[in-house]
Amino acid sequence: MHDDLWQGVDFKVAEAEFFLDRMGKVLIPRHLTDRNWQAAYGLPTVHWQPDFYFYLDAFIAAARSIADIVQKCFGWDPHSKKEWPEPLDDDERRRRDAFQAEFTAHYAKVNGHAVSRVRTGTFHWGGTPSVQTKARVFGGGDYTGSPKQAIPIAAPRQFPPGTDAAYLALFGAPQPVEPSWQDFTLEIPRDDGTRESKPLFAACREYLESARLLVRESREIAQRVHGSSMLTAPLPLPRDKRA
């Protein structure tokens, strides 16, 4: 029942999955993904900045919105109870109250996740996600980057002083500076001024799975509480934002 309302929820789940997939794919070297790429084209560097951070930001937004959409469609969003096409009848209000009473605990789990906390910082405070990456050059130095601090695409290898000039000419060309998916971490500030680091991809997969679980649990609650009874669809746009 209420397939039209669940379609919006399912769209957001698929959207979050899409952006998480793109986060991984943008880190893959081109010579592994493009069969037409030739070494003569130049150094096979991965141009992952800033696209990776854009995909991450979009993933966080899509995944976090799932809980809010479920709440709005089947329960009570406390910030917009009055935003409905028409006043709700007493039966629907009662059912929405019952749904919200069970749903709130599931909502709190998603809202308290580390990725959700990062979402607050990037969308309401600083504008960029609190994430860090480390990468190194083969035979060279280490680099640390973030959305605000790009790392170089390529950098020279390091050789001991006095290395033969002919050897340097053969092997001294700049090498790619490429992070792997394992090199990204969420950086969560603590109250004492230190930071807690969490592997980014593991946290994102966990966050998406928590959103999927919330949807499954919400479907069970909605079936039990609303059954086949009518539900009013939310407004597609708040009244004060319409032309």
Protein backbone atom coordinates (compact mmCIF):
# COMPACT_ATOMS: atom_id res chain seq x y z
CA MET A 1 0.00 0.00 0.00
CA HIS A 2 0.93 3.64 -0.43
CA ASP A 3 3.28 2.79 -3.29
CA ASP A 4 3.28 6.39 -4.49
CA LEU A 5 4.78 7.53 -1.18
CA TRP A 6 7.34 4.72 -1.02
CA GLN A 7 8.54 5.56 -4.53
CA GLY A 8 10.11 8.77 -3.24
CA VAL A 9 11.86 6.86 -0.44
CA ASP A 10 13.15 4.21 -2.85
CA PHE A 11 14.40 6.94 -5.20
CA LYS A 12 16.56 8.41 -2.43
CA VAL A 13 17.97 5.00 -1.49
CA ALA A 14 18.94 4.39 -5.12
CA GLU A 15 20.41 7.89 -5.35
CA ALA A 16 22.59 7.30 -2.28
CA GLU A 17 23.75 3.98 -3.73
CA PHE A 18 24.62 5.73 -7.00
CA PHE A 19 26.80 8.37 -5.38
CA LEU A 20 28.59 5.86 -3.14
CA ASP A 21 29.37 3.79 -6.23
CA ARG A 22 30.74 6.87 -8.01
CA MET A 23 32.96 7.66 -5.02
CA GLY A 24 34.75 4.37 -5.61
CA LYS A 25 34.86 4.50 -9.38
CA VAL A 26 36.37 7.99 -9.58
CA LEU A 27 39.48 6.62 -7.82
CA ILE A 28 40.15 3.91 -10.43
CA PRO A 29 43.04 4.70 -12.82
CA ARG A 30 41.91 5.39 -16.36
CA HIS A 31 44.03 2.65 -17.91
CA LEU A 32 41.92 0.14 -15.93
CA THR A 33 38.57 1.56 -17.04
CA ASP A 34 39.20 2.83 -20.59
CA ARG A 35 40.33 0.15 -23.03
CA ASN A 36 41.21 2.84 -25.57
CA TRP A 37 43.70 4.54 -23.28
CA GLN A 38 47.31 4.32 -24.49
CA ALA A 39 50.51 4.93 -22.54
CA ALA A 40 51.54 7.42 -25.22
CA TYR A 41 48.77 9.71 -23.96
CA GLY A 42 50.88 10.50 -20.92
CA LEU A 43 51.03 9.67 -17.24
CA PRO A 44 47.94 7.60 -16.27
CA THR A 45 47.00 9.82 -13.33
CA VAL A 46 43.58 9.71 -11.70
CA HIS A 47 41.78 13.06 -11.83
CA TRP A 48 39.65 12.41 -8.77
CA GLN A 49 39.70 15.90 -7.23
CA PRO A 50 37.31 17.57 -6.57
CA ASP A 51 34.80 15.05 -8.02
CA PHE A 52 35.27 12.60 -5.16
CA TYR A 53 34.25 15.19 -2.59
CA PHE A 54 31.26 16.26 -4.68
CA TYR A 55 30.05 12.65 -4.81
CA LEU A 56 30.64 12.27 -1.07
CA ASP A 57 28.64 15.41 -0.32
CA ALA A 58 25.81 14.22 -2.55
CA PHE A 59 25.85 10.77 -0.93
CA ILE A 60 25.59 12.24 2.56
CA ALA A 61 22.66 14.44 1.53
CA ALA A 62 20.76 11.65 -0.21
CA ALA A 63 21.29 9.08 2.52
CA ARG A 64 20.37 11.48 5.33
CA SER A 65 17.18 12.62 3.57
CA ILE A 66 15.71 9.09 3.62
CA ALA A 67 14.69 9.26 7.27
CA ASP A 68 13.15 12.72 6.84
CA ILE A 69 11.10 11.64 3.83
CA VAL A 70 9.74 8.59 5.64
CA GLN A 71 8.85 10.74 8.63
CA LYS A 72 7.08 13.32 6.49
CA CYS A 73 5.13 10.80 4.44
CA PHE A 74 4.00 8.46 7.23
CA GLY A 75 4.43 10.27 10.54
CA TRP A 76 4.91 13.82 11.78
CA ASP A 77 7.76 16.08 10.83
CA PRO A 78 7.79 18.39 13.88
CA HIS A 79 9.09 21.29 11.79
CA SER A 80 6.32 21.26 9.20
CA LYS A 81 3.17 19.81 10.72
CA LYS A 82 1.13 22.60 9.16
CA GLU A 83 2.52 22.13 5.63
CA TRP A 84 -0.23 19.98 4.09
CA PRO A 85 -2.44 20.50 1.04
CA GLU A 86 -5.47 20.38 3.34
CA PRO A 87 -6.21 19.82 7.05
CA LEU A 88 -5.85 16.16 8.02
CA ASP A 89 -8.82 14.35 9.52
CA ASP A 90 -8.71 12.96 13.06
CA ASP A 91 -8.17 9.35 11.96
CA GLU A 92 -5.12 10.19 9.87
CA ARG A 93 -3.72 12.36 12.64
CA ARG A 94 -4.12 9.52 15.12
CA ARG A 95 -2.40 7.06 12.79
CA ARG A 96 0.45 9.44 12.09
CA ASP A 97 0.92 9.94 15.84
CA ALA A 98 1.07 6.17 16.31
CA PHE A 99 3.59 5.76 13.49
CA GLN A 100 5.77 8.56 14.84
CA ALA A 101 5.78 7.05 18.33
CA GLU A 102 7.38 3.86 16.98
CA PHE A 103 9.48 5.52 14.29
CA THR A 104 11.28 8.05 16.49
CA ALA A 105 13.75 5.54 17.96
CA HIS A 106 14.75 4.33 14.47
CA TYR A 107 15.10 7.94 13.30
CA ALA A 108 17.37 8.72 16.24
CA LYS A 109 19.74 5.86 15.34
CA VAL A 110 20.28 7.23 11.83
CA ASN A 111 20.50 10.81 13.05
CA GLY A 112 23.17 9.91 15.60
CA HIS A 113 25.48 8.18 13.13
CA ALA A 114 28.92 9.70 12.51
CA VAL A 115 28.12 10.40 8.84
CA SER A 116 24.97 12.23 9.88
CA ARG A 117 27.07 14.43 12.16
CA VAL A 118 29.38 15.18 9.23
CA ARG A 119 26.32 16.11 7.21
CA THR A 120 25.41 18.81 9.76
CA GLY A 121 28.87 20.32 9.44
CA THR A 122 28.98 20.34 5.65
CA PHE A 123 25.43 21.56 5.00
CA HIS A 124 24.91 23.98 7.87
CA TRP A 125 28.31 25.09 9.13
CA GLY A 126 31.53 24.87 7.12
CA GLY A 127 30.39 23.89 3.63
CA THR A 128 32.80 20.97 3.17
CA PRO A 129 32.70 17.43 4.59
CA SER A 130 35.14 16.63 7.41
CA VAL A 131 37.18 14.05 5.52
CA GLN A 132 40.89 13.52 5.00
CA THR A 133 42.98 11.44 2.62
CA LYS A 134 46.57 10.33 2.61
CA ALA A 135 48.46 9.34 -0.53
CA ARG A 136 52.07 8.71 -1.40
CA VAL A 137 54.29 8.56 -4.44
CA PHE A 138 56.01 5.27 -5.22
CA GLY A 139 59.51 5.87 -3.94
CA GLY A 140 58.52 9.38 -2.92
CA GLY A 141 56.86 11.46 -0.24
CA ASP A 142 53.51 11.34 1.56
CA TYR A 143 50.69 13.82 0.98
CA THR A 144 47.63 14.70 3.02
CA GLY A 145 44.57 16.22 1.39
CA SER A 146 41.02 17.34 2.10
CA PRO A 147 38.23 19.20 0.29
CA LYS A 148 40.06 22.42 1.15
CA GLN A 149 43.57 21.13 0.46
CA ALA A 150 44.16 19.43 -2.88
CA ILE A 151 47.10 17.09 -3.24
CA PRO A 152 49.22 17.10 -6.40
CA ILE A 153 48.27 14.86 -9.30
CA ALA A 154 51.89 13.79 -9.69
CA ALA A 155 55.17 14.36 -7.85
CA PRO A 156 58.83 13.39 -8.32
CA ARG A 157 60.35 10.34 -6.71
CA GLN A 158 63.03 10.86 -4.10
CA PHE A 159 66.57 9.63 -4.64
CA PRO A 160 69.63 9.71 -2.37
CA PRO A 161 72.10 12.55 -2.87
CA GLY A 162 74.69 11.75 -5.50
CA THR A 163 72.43 9.46 -7.56
CA ASP A 164 73.79 9.05 -11.08
CA ALA A 165 72.39 11.64 -13.49
CA ALA A 166 71.71 9.00 -16.15
CA TYR A 167 69.66 7.00 -13.62
CA LEU A 168 67.70 10.13 -12.70
CA ALA A 169 67.01 10.81 -16.37
CA LEU A 170 65.55 7.32 -16.79
CA PHE A 171 63.61 6.99 -13.56
CA GLY A 172 63.19 10.51 -12.21
CA ALA A 173 59.97 11.40 -14.02
CA PRO A 174 57.04 12.48 -11.80
CA GLN A 175 54.86 9.63 -10.56
CA PRO A 176 51.11 9.64 -9.84
CA VAL A 177 49.90 10.62 -6.39
CA GLU A 178 46.85 8.40 -6.09
CA PRO A 179 44.92 7.52 -2.94
CA SER A 180 43.03 4.26 -2.65
CA TRP A 181 39.60 3.91 -1.08
CA GLN A 182 41.33 2.77 2.13
CA ASP A 183 43.16 6.10 2.47
CA PHE A 184 40.08 8.21 3.27
CA THR A 185 38.91 8.91 6.81
CA LEU A 186 36.11 10.81 8.46
CA GLU A 187 37.51 13.27 10.97
CA ILE A 188 35.08 13.71 13.85
CA PRO A 189 35.95 16.48 16.35
CA ARG A 190 35.80 15.61 20.03
CA ASP A 191 34.91 18.01 22.82
CA ASP A 192 38.48 17.90 24.15
CA GLY A 193 39.87 19.29 20.87
CA THR A 194 41.14 15.98 19.49
CA ARG A 195 39.68 14.14 16.49
CA GLU A 196 38.33 10.67 16.01
CA SER A 197 39.23 9.11 12.66
CA LYS A 198 36.94 6.54 11.03
CA PRO A 199 37.52 4.73 7.72
CA LEU A 200 35.32 6.66 5.30
CA PHE A 201 34.03 3.95 3.00
CA ALA A 202 33.20 1.60 5.86
CA ALA A 203 31.30 4.39 7.61
CA CYS A 204 29.39 5.28 4.43
CA ARG A 205 28.41 1.66 3.77
CA GLU A 206 27.30 1.31 7.38
CA TYR A 207 25.30 4.52 7.13
CA LEU A 208 23.57 3.41 3.94
CA GLU A 209 22.74 0.05 5.47
CA SER A 210 21.26 1.80 8.51
CA ALA A 211 19.06 3.81 6.14
CA ARG A 212 17.98 0.63 4.32
CA LEU A 213 17.15 -0.98 7.67
CA LEU A 214 15.15 2.08 8.66
CA VAL A 215 13.11 1.76 5.45
CA ARG A 216 12.38 -1.93 6.10
CA GLU A 217 11.35 -1.24 9.70
CA SER A 218 9.26 1.74 8.60
CA ARG A 219 7.39 -0.36 6.05
CA GLU A 220 6.46 -2.81 8.79
CA ILE A 221 5.26 -0.02 11.07
CA ALA A 222 3.33 1.65 8.24
CA GLN A 223 1.60 -1.59 7.28
CA ARG A 224 0.60 -2.23 10.88
CA VAL A 225 -0.49 1.35 11.66
CA HIS A 226 -1.86 2.67 8.37
CA GLY A 227 -2.81 -0.56 6.62
CA SER A 228 -4.88 0.32 3.57
CA SER A 229 -6.16 3.59 5.05
CA MET A 230 -5.71 6.81 3.12
CA LEU A 231 -2.61 8.97 3.62
CA THR A 232 -2.33 12.52 2.38
CA ALA A 233 0.77 13.12 0.26
CA PRO A 234 2.98 16.00 1.44
CA LEU A 235 3.24 19.19 -0.57
CA PRO A 236 5.92 18.99 -3.29
CA LEU A 237 7.11 22.44 -2.23
CA PRO A 238 6.49 24.54 0.91
CA ARG A 239 3.81 27.19 0.39
CA ASP A 240 6.16 30.11 1.07
CA LYS A 241 8.55 28.86 -1.64
CA ARG A 242 6.02 28.57 -4.45
CA ALA A 243 5.66 31.22 -7.15
